[in-house]
Amino acid sequence: MSAETDTQAAAVANVSGITPASIKATLTEKLGAQHVEIDDISGGCGQAFEAIIVSNNFAKKTTLARHRLVNSALKAEIAAIHAWTPKCFTPEEWERKQAQGGVGLPQGL
C-alpha cells in the first residue's frame, strides 16, 4: 500500500498511529535514548522507517543484542509497520562517528 499524496500518507499514519514522532517518543522513554533520528523511507505510506538511536543502554552489547533491545521496546510499533532498520550507538560511539565526518539520516527527526 503506497500513498500517492501527502493527505493519503497522513491518513495511513493516522490509521496505524505510527509516526516518526511516536517512535522517537517511545525510544526516548523506554531506552532513555539521548539522541534519536527517525526517517520515513516508505515513499509516503508510513510503513517503513530507519533510525539512529543513541543510548547508554547499548554499552557492552553486541549489535544483535542492541537490536533486540530496541525491537522489544517497539514491539507493538514493529507489528504495525512493514520495515524497520535501526542503527544503534552508545554516546561515545556516536561522538566518534560525528567527529569522523558525521553520520545521520538524510531527513532525520
PDB file of N, CA and C in Angstrom:
ATOM      1  N   MET A   1       0.849  -1.179   0.000  1.00  0.00           N
ATOM      2  CA  MET A   1       0.000   0.000   0.000  1.00  0.00           C
ATOM      3  C   MET A   1       0.888   1.232   0.000  1.00  0.00           C
ATOM      4  N   SER A   2       0.720   2.087  -0.947  1.00  0.00           N
ATOM      5  CA  SER A   2       1.532   3.282  -1.064  1.00  0.00           C
ATOM      6  C   SER A   2       0.622   4.495  -1.221  1.00  0.00           C
ATOM      7  N   ALA A   3       0.980   5.558  -0.527  1.00  0.00           N
ATOM      8  CA  ALA A   3       0.191   6.781  -0.617  1.00  0.00           C
ATOM      9  C   ALA A   3       0.677   7.609  -1.790  1.00  0.00           C
ATOM     10  N   GLU A   4      -0.252   8.177  -2.529  1.00  0.00           N
ATOM     11  CA  GLU A   4       0.103   8.997  -3.675  1.00  0.00           C
ATOM     12  C   GLU A   4       0.180  10.474  -3.315  1.00  0.00           C
ATOM     13  N   THR A   5      -0.415  10.877  -2.230  1.00  0.00           N
ATOM     14  CA  THR A   5      -0.393  12.276  -1.829  1.00  0.00           C
ATOM     15  C   THR A   5      -0.055  12.381  -0.356  1.00  0.00           C
ATOM     16  N   ASP A   6       0.314  13.589   0.063  1.00  0.00           N
ATOM     17  CA  ASP A   6       0.588  13.821   1.481  1.00  0.00           C
ATOM     18  C   ASP A   6      -0.654  13.567   2.327  1.00  0.00           C
ATOM     19  N   THR A   7      -1.809  13.879   1.785  1.00  0.00           N
ATOM     20  CA  THR A   7      -3.061  13.652   2.502  1.00  0.00           C
ATOM     21  C   THR A   7      -3.275  12.160   2.750  1.00  0.00           C
ATOM     22  N   GLN A   8      -3.025  11.353   1.716  1.00  0.00           N
ATOM     23  CA  GLN A   8      -3.152   9.896   1.875  1.00  0.00           C
ATOM     24  C   GLN A   8      -2.126   9.368   2.876  1.00  0.00           C
ATOM     25  N   ALA A   9      -0.908   9.876   2.820  1.00  0.00           N
ATOM     26  CA  ALA A   9       0.134   9.445   3.755  1.00  0.00           C
ATOM     27  C   ALA A   9      -0.274   9.764   5.186  1.00  0.00           C
ATOM     28  N   ALA A  10      -0.821  10.953   5.401  1.00  0.00           N
ATOM     29  CA  ALA A  10      -1.277  11.333   6.737  1.00  0.00           C
ATOM     30  C   ALA A  10      -2.409  10.434   7.195  1.00  0.00           C
ATOM     31  N   ALA A  11      -3.306  10.068   6.285  1.00  0.00           N
ATOM     32  CA  ALA A  11      -4.421   9.183   6.637  1.00  0.00           C
ATOM     33  C   ALA A  11      -3.916   7.811   7.056  1.00  0.00           C
ATOM     34  N   VAL A  12      -2.931   7.282   6.341  1.00  0.00           N
ATOM     35  CA  VAL A  12      -2.359   5.978   6.700  1.00  0.00           C
ATOM     36  C   VAL A  12      -1.694   6.054   8.072  1.00  0.00           C
ATOM     37  N   ALA A  13      -0.931   7.116   8.313  1.00  0.00           N
ATOM     38  CA  ALA A  13      -0.277   7.279   9.612  1.00  0.00           C
ATOM     39  C   ALA A  13      -1.316   7.379  10.719  1.00  0.00           C
ATOM     40  N   ASN A  14      -2.435   8.059  10.451  1.00  0.00           N
ATOM     41  CA  ASN A  14      -3.482   8.185  11.456  1.00  0.00           C
ATOM     42  C   ASN A  14      -4.127   6.843  11.762  1.00  0.00           C
ATOM     43  N   VAL A  15      -4.254   5.985  10.764  1.00  0.00           N
ATOM     44  CA  VAL A  15      -4.853   4.665  10.968  1.00  0.00           C
ATOM     45  C   VAL A  15      -3.941   3.791  11.814  1.00  0.00           C
ATOM     46  N   SER A  16      -2.655   3.736  11.456  1.00  0.00           N
ATOM     47  CA  SER A  16      -1.721   2.884  12.192  1.00  0.00           C
ATOM     48  C   SER A  16      -1.288   3.539  13.496  1.00  0.00           C
ATOM     49  N   GLY A  17      -1.305   4.867  13.538  1.00  0.00           N
ATOM     50  CA  GLY A  17      -0.860   5.580  14.723  1.00  0.00           C
ATOM     51  C   GLY A  17       0.648   5.639  14.849  1.00  0.00           C
ATOM     52  N   ILE A  18       1.364   5.092  13.877  1.00  0.00           N
ATOM     53  CA  ILE A  18       2.814   5.062  13.925  1.00  0.00           C
ATOM     54  C   ILE A  18       3.356   6.214  13.089  1.00  0.00           C
ATOM     55  N   THR A  19       4.093   7.093  13.752  1.00  0.00           N
ATOM     56  CA  THR A  19       4.720   8.220  13.085  1.00  0.00           C
ATOM     57  C   THR A  19       6.172   8.293  13.556  1.00  0.00           C
ATOM     58  N   PRO A  20       7.018   8.999  12.824  1.00  0.00           N
ATOM     59  CA  PRO A  20       8.389   9.175  13.317  1.00  0.00           C
ATOM     60  C   PRO A  20       8.417   9.765  14.738  1.00  0.00           C
ATOM     61  N   ALA A  21       7.534  10.706  15.008  1.00  0.00           N
ATOM     62  CA  ALA A  21       7.492  11.329  16.338  1.00  0.00           C
ATOM     63  C   ALA A  21       7.087  10.334  17.420  1.00  0.00           C
ATOM     64  N   SER A  22       6.130   9.453  17.117  1.00  0.00           N
ATOM     65  CA  SER A  22       5.699   8.478  18.128  1.00  0.00           C
ATOM     66  C   SER A  22       6.789   7.435  18.391  1.00  0.00           C
ATOM     67  N   ILE A  23       7.510   7.048  17.349  1.00  0.00           N
ATOM     68  CA  ILE A  23       8.616   6.104  17.532  1.00  0.00           C
ATOM     69  C   ILE A  23       9.714   6.754  18.360  1.00  0.00           C
ATOM     70  N   LYS A  24      10.037   7.995  18.035  1.00  0.00           N
ATOM     71  CA  LYS A  24      11.069   8.727  18.781  1.00  0.00           C
ATOM     72  C   LYS A  24      10.689   8.845  20.257  1.00  0.00           C
ATOM     73  N   ALA A  25       9.447   9.187  20.538  1.00  0.00           N
ATOM     74  CA  ALA A  25       8.990   9.328  21.919  1.00  0.00           C
ATOM     75  C   ALA A  25       9.105   8.006  22.678  1.00  0.00           C
ATOM     76  N   THR A  26       8.727   6.911  22.041  1.00  0.00           N
ATOM     77  CA  THR A  26       8.797   5.597  22.686  1.00  0.00           C
ATOM     78  C   THR A  26      10.242   5.222  22.993  1.00  0.00           C
ATOM     79  N   LEU A  27      11.140   5.428  22.043  1.00  0.00           N
ATOM     80  CA  LEU A  27      12.551   5.089  22.258  1.00  0.00           C
ATOM     81  C   LEU A  27      13.179   5.958  23.335  1.00  0.00           C
ATOM     82  N   THR A  28      12.832   7.222  23.336  1.00  0.00           N
ATOM     83  CA  THR A  28      13.370   8.130  24.352  1.00  0.00           C
ATOM     84  C   THR A  28      12.902   7.703  25.740  1.00  0.00           C
ATOM     85  N   GLU A  29      11.641   7.348  25.841  1.00  0.00           N
ATOM     86  CA  GLU A  29      11.072   6.947  27.132  1.00  0.00           C
ATOM     87  C   GLU A  29      11.576   5.580  27.589  1.00  0.00           C
ATOM     88  N   LYS A  30      11.489   4.576  26.735  1.00  0.00           N
ATOM     89  CA  LYS A  30      11.786   3.201  27.148  1.00  0.00           C
ATOM     90  C   LYS A  30      13.273   2.869  27.202  1.00  0.00           C
ATOM     91  N   LEU A  31      14.082   3.541  26.368  1.00  0.00           N
ATOM     92  CA  LEU A  31      15.516   3.243  26.357  1.00  0.00           C
ATOM     93  C   LEU A  31      16.359   4.363  26.945  1.00  0.00           C
ATOM     94  N   GLY A  32      15.726   5.438  27.333  1.00  0.00           N
ATOM     95  CA  GLY A  32      16.487   6.575  27.827  1.00  0.00           C
ATOM     96  C   GLY A  32      17.437   7.104  26.764  1.00  0.00           C
ATOM     97  N   ALA A  33      17.003   7.051  25.516  1.00  0.00           N
ATOM     98  CA  ALA A  33      17.857   7.464  24.402  1.00  0.00           C
ATOM     99  C   ALA A  33      18.163   8.955  24.482  1.00  0.00           C
ATOM    100  N   GLN A  34      19.438   9.281  24.302  1.00  0.00           N
ATOM    101  CA  GLN A  34      19.853  10.680  24.325  1.00  0.00           C
ATOM    102  C   GLN A  34      19.665  11.347  22.966  1.00  0.00           C
ATOM    103  N   HIS A  35      19.687  10.548  21.911  1.00  0.00           N
ATOM    104  CA  HIS A  35      19.544  11.089  20.561  1.00  0.00           C
ATOM    105  C   HIS A  35      18.807  10.057  19.715  1.00  0.00           C
ATOM    106  N   VAL A  36      17.783  10.503  19.001  1.00  0.00           N
ATOM    107  CA  VAL A  36      17.029   9.614  18.118  1.00  0.00           C
ATOM    108  C   VAL A  36      16.711  10.374  16.830  1.00  0.00           C
ATOM    109  N   GLU A  37      17.034   9.753  15.697  1.00  0.00           N
ATOM    110  CA  GLU A  37      16.638  10.269  14.391  1.00  0.00           C
ATOM    111  C   GLU A  37      15.804   9.185  13.729  1.00  0.00           C
ATOM    112  N   ILE A  38      14.636   9.546  13.248  1.00  0.00           N
ATOM    113  CA  ILE A  38      13.758   8.603  12.562  1.00  0.00           C
ATOM    114  C   ILE A  38      13.464   9.161  11.174  1.00  0.00           C
ATOM    115  N   ASP A  39      13.605   8.311  10.163  1.00  0.00           N
ATOM    116  CA  ASP A  39      13.306   8.730   8.799  1.00  0.00           C
ATOM    117  C   ASP A  39      12.287   7.766   8.199  1.00  0.00           C
ATOM    118  N   ASP A  40      11.210   8.315   7.663  1.00  0.00           N
ATOM    119  CA  ASP A  40      10.197   7.511   6.973  1.00  0.00           C
ATOM    120  C   ASP A  40      10.704   7.256   5.562  1.00  0.00           C
ATOM    121  N   ILE A  41      11.067   6.012   5.270  1.00  0.00           N
ATOM    122  CA  ILE A  41      11.626   5.650   3.966  1.00  0.00           C
ATOM    123  C   ILE A  41      10.607   4.900   3.115  1.00  0.00           C
ATOM    124  N   SER A  42       9.348   5.044   3.465  1.00  0.00           N
ATOM    125  CA  SER A  42       8.288   4.260   2.824  1.00  0.00           C
ATOM    126  C   SER A  42       7.811   4.833   1.500  1.00  0.00           C
ATOM    127  N   GLY A  43       8.212   6.026   1.193  1.00  0.00           N
ATOM    128  CA  GLY A  43       7.689   6.640  -0.016  1.00  0.00           C
ATOM    129  C   GLY A  43       6.324   7.260   0.200  1.00  0.00           C
ATOM    130  N   GLY A  44       5.934   7.410   1.454  1.00  0.00           N
ATOM    131  CA  GLY A  44       4.688   8.106   1.750  1.00  0.00           C
ATOM    132  C   GLY A  44       3.632   7.321   2.489  1.00  0.00           C
ATOM    133  N   CYS A  45       3.785   5.992   2.587  1.00  0.00           N
ATOM    134  CA  CYS A  45       2.728   5.219   3.244  1.00  0.00           C
ATOM    135  C   CYS A  45       2.915   5.111   4.752  1.00  0.00           C
ATOM    136  N   GLY A  46       4.068   5.503   5.278  1.00  0.00           N
ATOM    137  CA  GLY A  46       4.290   5.457   6.719  1.00  0.00           C
ATOM    138  C   GLY A  46       4.463   4.061   7.265  1.00  0.00           C
ATOM    139  N   GLN A  47       4.979   3.154   6.450  1.00  0.00           N
ATOM    140  CA  GLN A  47       5.124   1.761   6.881  1.00  0.00           C
ATOM    141  C   GLN A  47       6.557   1.260   6.895  1.00  0.00           C
ATOM    142  N   ALA A  48       7.546   2.133   6.627  1.00  0.00           N
ATOM    143  CA  ALA A  48       8.949   1.728   6.644  1.00  0.00           C
ATOM    144  C   ALA A  48       9.782   2.864   7.235  1.00  0.00           C
ATOM    145  N   PHE A  49      10.602   2.513   8.209  1.00  0.00           N
ATOM    146  CA  PHE A  49      11.389   3.521   8.907  1.00  0.00           C
ATOM    147  C   PHE A  49      12.815   3.035   9.100  1.00  0.00           C
ATOM    148  N   GLU A  50      13.756   3.992   9.104  1.00  0.00           N
ATOM    149  CA  GLU A  50      15.109   3.700   9.548  1.00  0.00           C
ATOM    150  C   GLU A  50      15.420   4.681  10.670  1.00  0.00           C
ATOM    151  N   ALA A  51      16.349   4.279  11.526  1.00  0.00           N
ATOM    152  CA  ALA A  51      16.586   5.090  12.711  1.00  0.00           C
ATOM    153  C   ALA A  51      18.036   5.056  13.143  1.00  0.00           C
ATOM    154  N   ILE A  52      18.454   6.136  13.778  1.00  0.00           N
ATOM    155  CA  ILE A  52      19.694   6.188  14.539  1.00  0.00           C
ATOM    156  C   ILE A  52      19.270   6.399  15.981  1.00  0.00           C
ATOM    157  N   ILE A  53      19.774   5.537  16.857  1.00  0.00           N
ATOM    158  CA  ILE A  53      19.397   5.581  18.270  1.00  0.00           C
ATOM    159  C   ILE A  53      20.672   5.595  19.097  1.00  0.00           C
ATOM    160  N   VAL A  54      20.797   6.554  19.992  1.00  0.00           N
ATOM    161  CA  VAL A  54      21.964   6.672  20.858  1.00  0.00           C
ATOM    162  C   VAL A  54      21.499   6.517  22.300  1.00  0.00           C
ATOM    163  N   SER A  55      22.043   5.494  22.977  1.00  0.00           N
ATOM    164  CA  SER A  55      21.620   5.219  24.351  1.00  0.00           C
ATOM    165  C   SER A  55      22.743   4.561  25.139  1.00  0.00           C
ATOM    166  N   ASN A  56      22.841   4.911  26.409  1.00  0.00           N
ATOM    167  CA  ASN A  56      23.787   4.240  27.303  1.00  0.00           C
ATOM    168  C   ASN A  56      23.432   2.770  27.489  1.00  0.00           C
ATOM    169  N   ASN A  57      22.184   2.399  27.249  1.00  0.00           N
ATOM    170  CA  ASN A  57      21.754   1.010  27.408  1.00  0.00           C
ATOM    171  C   ASN A  57      22.417   0.067  26.413  1.00  0.00           C
ATOM    172  N   PHE A  58      23.080   0.603  25.389  1.00  0.00           N
ATOM    173  CA  PHE A  58      23.747  -0.231  24.393  1.00  0.00           C
ATOM    174  C   PHE A  58      25.175  -0.601  24.785  1.00  0.00           C
ATOM    175  N   ALA A  59      25.671  -0.017  25.861  1.00  0.00           N
ATOM    176  CA  ALA A  59      27.046  -0.281  26.287  1.00  0.00           C
ATOM    177  C   ALA A  59      27.257  -1.773  26.538  1.00  0.00           C
ATOM    178  N   LYS A  60      28.376  -2.274  26.049  1.00  0.00           N
ATOM    179  CA  LYS A  60      28.798  -3.668  26.244  1.00  0.00           C
ATOM    180  C   LYS A  60      27.822  -4.678  25.650  1.00  0.00           C
ATOM    181  N   LYS A  61      27.036  -4.255  24.663  1.00  0.00           N
ATOM    182  CA  LYS A  61      26.103  -5.167  23.996  1.00  0.00           C
ATOM    183  C   LYS A  61      26.516  -5.327  22.534  1.00  0.00           C
ATOM    184  N   THR A  62      26.298  -6.514  22.001  1.00  0.00           N
ATOM    185  CA  THR A  62      26.555  -6.753  20.584  1.00  0.00           C
ATOM    186  C   THR A  62      25.489  -6.039  19.756  1.00  0.00           C
ATOM    187  N   THR A  63      25.732  -5.960  18.461  1.00  0.00           N
ATOM    188  CA  THR A  63      24.742  -5.355  17.564  1.00  0.00           C
ATOM    189  C   THR A  63      23.413  -6.086  17.664  1.00  0.00           C
ATOM    190  N   LEU A  64      23.466  -7.411  17.682  1.00  0.00           N
ATOM    191  CA  LEU A  64      22.234  -8.198  17.787  1.00  0.00           C
ATOM    192  C   LEU A  64      21.496  -7.906  19.089  1.00  0.00           C
ATOM    193  N   ALA A  65      22.215  -7.834  20.199  1.00  0.00           N
ATOM    194  CA  ALA A  65      21.591  -7.546  21.493  1.00  0.00           C
ATOM    195  C   ALA A  65      20.976  -6.147  21.503  1.00  0.00           C
ATOM    196  N   ARG A  66      21.638  -5.199  20.870  1.00  0.00           N
ATOM    197  CA  ARG A  66      21.101  -3.835  20.785  1.00  0.00           C
ATOM    198  C   ARG A  66      19.794  -3.826  19.985  1.00  0.00           C
ATOM    199  N   HIS A  67      19.800  -4.525  18.853  1.00  0.00           N
ATOM    200  CA  HIS A  67      18.591  -4.579  18.021  1.00  0.00           C
ATOM    201  C   HIS A  67      17.451  -5.275  18.761  1.00  0.00           C
ATOM    202  N   ARG A  68      17.769  -6.309  19.494  1.00  0.00           N
ATOM    203  CA  ARG A  68      16.722  -6.992  20.273  1.00  0.00           C
ATOM    204  C   ARG A  68      16.144  -6.077  21.341  1.00  0.00           C
ATOM    205  N   LEU A  69      16.994  -5.282  21.969  1.00  0.00           N
ATOM    206  CA  LEU A  69      16.534  -4.333  22.987  1.00  0.00           C
ATOM    207  C   LEU A  69      15.585  -3.300  22.363  1.00  0.00           C
ATOM    208  N   VAL A  70      15.974  -2.775  21.211  1.00  0.00           N
ATOM    209  CA  VAL A  70      15.135  -1.795  20.513  1.00  0.00           C
ATOM    210  C   VAL A  70      13.832  -2.437  20.059  1.00  0.00           C
ATOM    211  N   ASN A  71      13.932  -3.616  19.456  1.00  0.00           N
ATOM    212  CA  ASN A  71      12.728  -4.297  18.963  1.00  0.00           C
ATOM    213  C   ASN A  71      11.772  -4.628  20.098  1.00  0.00           C
ATOM    214  N   SER A  72      12.303  -4.959  21.255  1.00  0.00           N
ATOM    215  CA  SER A  72      11.459  -5.227  22.425  1.00  0.00           C
ATOM    216  C   SER A  72      10.731  -3.951  22.864  1.00  0.00           C
ATOM    217  N   ALA A  73      11.429  -2.824  22.831  1.00  0.00           N
ATOM    218  CA  ALA A  73      10.819  -1.544  23.219  1.00  0.00           C
ATOM    219  C   ALA A  73       9.742  -1.118  22.228  1.00  0.00           C
ATOM    220  N   LEU A  74       9.900  -1.530  20.963  1.00  0.00           N
ATOM    221  CA  LEU A  74       8.964  -1.127  19.908  1.00  0.00           C
ATOM    222  C   LEU A  74       8.112  -2.285  19.409  1.00  0.00           C
ATOM    223  N   LYS A  75       7.848  -3.253  20.257  1.00  0.00           N
ATOM    224  CA  LYS A  75       7.139  -4.463  19.827  1.00  0.00           C
ATOM    225  C   LYS A  75       5.814  -4.149  19.113  1.00  0.00           C
ATOM    226  N   ALA A  76       4.992  -3.320  19.699  1.00  0.00           N
ATOM    227  CA  ALA A  76       3.686  -3.000  19.100  1.00  0.00           C
ATOM    228  C   ALA A  76       3.849  -2.224  17.797  1.00  0.00           C
ATOM    229  N   GLU A  77       4.802  -1.287  17.770  1.00  0.00           N
ATOM    230  CA  GLU A  77       5.015  -0.479  16.580  1.00  0.00           C
ATOM    231  C   GLU A  77       5.527  -1.332  15.417  1.00  0.00           C
ATOM    232  N   ILE A  78       6.474  -2.214  15.713  1.00  0.00           N
ATOM    233  CA  ILE A  78       7.052  -3.053  14.665  1.00  0.00           C
ATOM    234  C   ILE A  78       5.993  -3.990  14.080  1.00  0.00           C
ATOM    235  N   ALA A  79       5.077  -4.438  14.904  1.00  0.00           N
ATOM    236  CA  ALA A  79       3.998  -5.306  14.415  1.00  0.00           C
ATOM    237  C   ALA A  79       3.080  -4.576  13.439  1.00  0.00           C
ATOM    238  N   ALA A  80       3.035  -3.245  13.525  1.00  0.00           N
ATOM    239  CA  ALA A  80       2.114  -2.460  12.701  1.00  0.00           C
ATOM    240  C   ALA A  80       2.747  -1.884  11.438  1.00  0.00           C
ATOM    241  N   ILE A  81       4.081  -2.040  11.293  1.00  0.00           N
ATOM    242  CA  ILE A  81       4.742  -1.469  10.117  1.00  0.00           C
ATOM    243  C   ILE A  81       5.357  -2.571   9.261  1.00  0.00           C
ATOM    244  N   HIS A  82       5.832  -2.176   8.093  1.00  0.00           N
ATOM    245  CA  HIS A  82       6.361  -3.140   7.132  1.00  0.00           C
ATOM    246  C   HIS A  82       7.863  -3.362   7.297  1.00  0.00           C
ATOM    247  N   ALA A  83       8.625  -2.300   7.532  1.00  0.00           N
ATOM    248  CA  ALA A  83      10.080  -2.429   7.589  1.00  0.00           C
ATOM    249  C   ALA A  83      10.659  -1.507   8.651  1.00  0.00           C
ATOM    250  N   TRP A  84      11.718  -1.999   9.317  1.00  0.00           N
ATOM    251  CA  TRP A  84      12.345  -1.261  10.405  1.00  0.00           C
ATOM    252  C   TRP A  84      13.844  -1.516  10.358  1.00  0.00           C
ATOM    253  N   THR A  85      14.653  -0.448  10.281  1.00  0.00           N
ATOM    254  CA  THR A  85      16.105  -0.573  10.226  1.00  0.00           C
ATOM    255  C   THR A  85      16.738   0.344  11.269  1.00  0.00           C
ATOM    256  N   PRO A  86      17.127  -0.203  12.423  1.00  0.00           N
ATOM    257  CA  PRO A  86      17.780   0.619  13.440  1.00  0.00           C
ATOM    258  C   PRO A  86      19.301   0.580  13.321  1.00  0.00           C
ATOM    259  N   LYS A  87      19.930   1.693  13.660  1.00  0.00           N
ATOM    260  CA  LYS A  87      21.382   1.767  13.823  1.00  0.00           C
ATOM    261  C   LYS A  87      21.590   2.260  15.243  1.00  0.00           C
ATOM    262  N   CYS A  88      22.254   1.442  16.056  1.00  0.00           N
ATOM    263  CA  CYS A  88      22.336   1.703  17.489  1.00  0.00           C
ATOM    264  C   CYS A  88      23.767   2.045  17.907  1.00  0.00           C
ATOM    265  N   PHE A  89      23.913   3.104  18.692  1.00  0.00           N
ATOM    266  CA  PHE A  89      25.214   3.559  19.156  1.00  0.00           C
ATOM    267  C   PHE A  89      25.160   3.925  20.635  1.00  0.00           C
ATOM    268  N   THR A  90      26.296   3.758  21.328  1.00  0.00           N
ATOM    269  CA  THR A  90      26.443   4.345  22.657  1.00  0.00           C
ATOM    270  C   THR A  90      26.770   5.821  22.436  1.00  0.00           C
ATOM    271  N   PRO A  91      26.641   6.657  23.466  1.00  0.00           N
ATOM    272  CA  PRO A  91      27.000   8.070  23.294  1.00  0.00           C
ATOM    273  C   PRO A  91      28.454   8.246  22.833  1.00  0.00           C
ATOM    274  N   GLU A  92      29.362   7.437  23.357  1.00  0.00           N
ATOM    275  CA  GLU A  92      30.767   7.537  22.978  1.00  0.00           C
ATOM    276  C   GLU A  92      30.972   7.162  21.506  1.00  0.00           C
ATOM    277  N   GLU A  93      30.313   6.095  21.056  1.00  0.00           N
ATOM    278  CA  GLU A  93      30.409   5.693  19.651  1.00  0.00           C
ATOM    279  C   GLU A  93      29.844   6.780  18.740  1.00  0.00           C
ATOM    280  N   TRP A  94      28.733   7.370  19.150  1.00  0.00           N
ATOM    281  CA  TRP A  94      28.087   8.406  18.354  1.00  0.00           C
ATOM    282  C   TRP A  94      29.004   9.631  18.231  1.00  0.00           C
ATOM    283  N   GLU A  95      29.651  10.019  19.343  1.00  0.00           N
ATOM    284  CA  GLU A  95      30.568  11.157  19.307  1.00  0.00           C
ATOM    285  C   GLU A  95      31.722  10.887  18.349  1.00  0.00           C
ATOM    286  N   ARG A  96      32.275   9.668  18.371  1.00  0.00           N
ATOM    287  CA  ARG A  96      33.362   9.309  17.456  1.00  0.00           C
ATOM    288  C   ARG A  96      32.892   9.369  15.999  1.00  0.00           C
ATOM    289  N   LYS A  97      31.699   8.842  15.733  1.00  0.00           N
ATOM    290  CA  LYS A  97      31.152   8.877  14.365  1.00  0.00           C
ATOM    291  C   LYS A  97      30.988  10.321  13.892  1.00  0.00           C
ATOM    292  N   GLN A  98      30.475  11.154  14.760  1.00  0.00           N
ATOM    293  CA  GLN A  98      30.275  12.556  14.403  1.00  0.00           C
ATOM    294  C   GLN A  98      31.613  13.241  14.134  1.00  0.00           C
ATOM    295  N   ALA A  99      32.618  12.947  14.946  1.00  0.00           N
ATOM    296  CA  ALA A  99      33.935  13.547  14.780  1.00  0.00           C
ATOM    297  C   ALA A  99      34.611  13.091  13.490  1.00  0.00           C
ATOM    298  N   GLN A 100      34.263  11.915  13.015  1.00  0.00           N
ATOM    299  CA  GLN A 100      34.851  11.354  11.790  1.00  0.00           C
ATOM    300  C   GLN A 100      34.156  11.829  10.524  1.00  0.00           C
ATOM    301  N   GLY A 101      33.304  12.780  10.646  1.00  0.00           N
ATOM    302  CA  GLY A 101      32.637  13.287   9.448  1.00  0.00           C
ATOM    303  C   GLY A 101      31.134  13.178   9.503  1.00  0.00           C
ATOM    304  N   GLY A 102      30.660  12.720  10.621  1.00  0.00           N
ATOM    305  CA  GLY A 102      29.219  12.697  10.812  1.00  0.00           C
ATOM    306  C   GLY A 102      28.508  11.505  10.200  1.00  0.00           C
ATOM    307  N   VAL A 103      27.535  11.081  10.896  1.00  0.00           N
ATOM    308  CA  VAL A 103      26.627  10.033  10.465  1.00  0.00           C
ATOM    309  C   VAL A 103      25.251  10.551  10.795  1.00  0.00           C
ATOM    310  N   GLY A 104      24.333  10.335   9.933  1.00  0.00           N
ATOM    311  CA  GLY A 104      22.977  10.772  10.222  1.00  0.00           C
ATOM    312  C   GLY A 104      22.063  10.380   9.089  1.00  0.00           C
ATOM    313  N   LEU A 105      20.835  10.480   9.352  1.00  0.00           N
ATOM    314  CA  LEU A 105      19.834  10.187   8.329  1.00  0.00           C
ATOM    315  C   LEU A 105      19.603  11.452   7.515  1.00  0.00           C
ATOM    316  N   PRO A 106      19.338  11.321   6.245  1.00  0.00           N
ATOM    317  CA  PRO A 106      19.166  12.486   5.387  1.00  0.00           C
ATOM    318  C   PRO A 106      18.096  13.460   5.882  1.00  0.00           C
ATOM    319  N   GLN A 107      16.973  12.934   6.381  1.00  0.00           N
ATOM    320  CA  GLN A 107      15.887  13.800   6.817  1.00  0.00           C
ATOM    321  C   GLN A 107      15.479  13.432   8.224  1.00  0.00           C
ATOM    322  N   GLY A 108      16.453  13.202   9.125  1.00  0.00           N
ATOM    323  CA  GLY A 108      16.157  12.766  10.485  1.00  0.00           C
ATOM    324  C   GLY A 108      15.313  13.728  11.249  1.00  0.00           C
ATOM    325  N   LEU A 109      14.605  13.188  12.210  1.00  0.00           N
ATOM    326  CA  LEU A 109      13.750  13.987  13.071  1.00  0.00           C
ATOM    327  C   LEU A 109      14.531  14.445  14.273  1.00  0.00           C
TER     328      LEU A 109
END
